[in-house]
Amino acid sequence: MIKVRVGYMKIDERAEIPEYQTEGAAGCDLKACIDEVVILGPGETRLISTGLSIEVPDGYEAQVRPRSGLAMKKGITVLNSPGTIDSDYRGPVGVLLHNTSPSGVDIFHGERIAQLVIAPVVQANFEEGFIEKDTERGAGGFGSTGKY
């Protein structure tokens, strides 16, 4: 397991530091830092504050992902999953929660709303002009392999 330093700052004094729930967890929990209960209506999307800003080291990104339990039990997901926090971003960390359920869902202060995964980044050097190697699939797109 690789461990990297991720700095953080509380924008709101009530914010809670992300925590890993188990020793082998890939993601740590982000918690809502809100003044009052947010009711997410069916099909509604809202930006929920964590009350934190973070400093991700160069060569890494932070990915904001849904929590499987929240998705299964309440139908709540992260809309732009995975959301990316780049290493040069220093603003507030917010989570775009989306309600896929047919009824309203309450989001409470301190509730675990998403996971944060720190991952290495690879950047491409794009070269115009040619593609070196053809494949059997070629330009076949969606559904072209005959599989779902």
Foldseek 3Di string as FASTA:
>chain_A
DDDDDKAKDFQDPLADDFADPDPPDQWTFQFFADDFKDKAFAFRKDKTFRRMWMAADPQKKKWKWFDPVCCVPFVKTFDPGRDIHHNPDGDTDITTITHNDNGIDIGDGGDGGTIIGMGGDDDDDDDDDDDDDADPCGPDDPCSVVDD
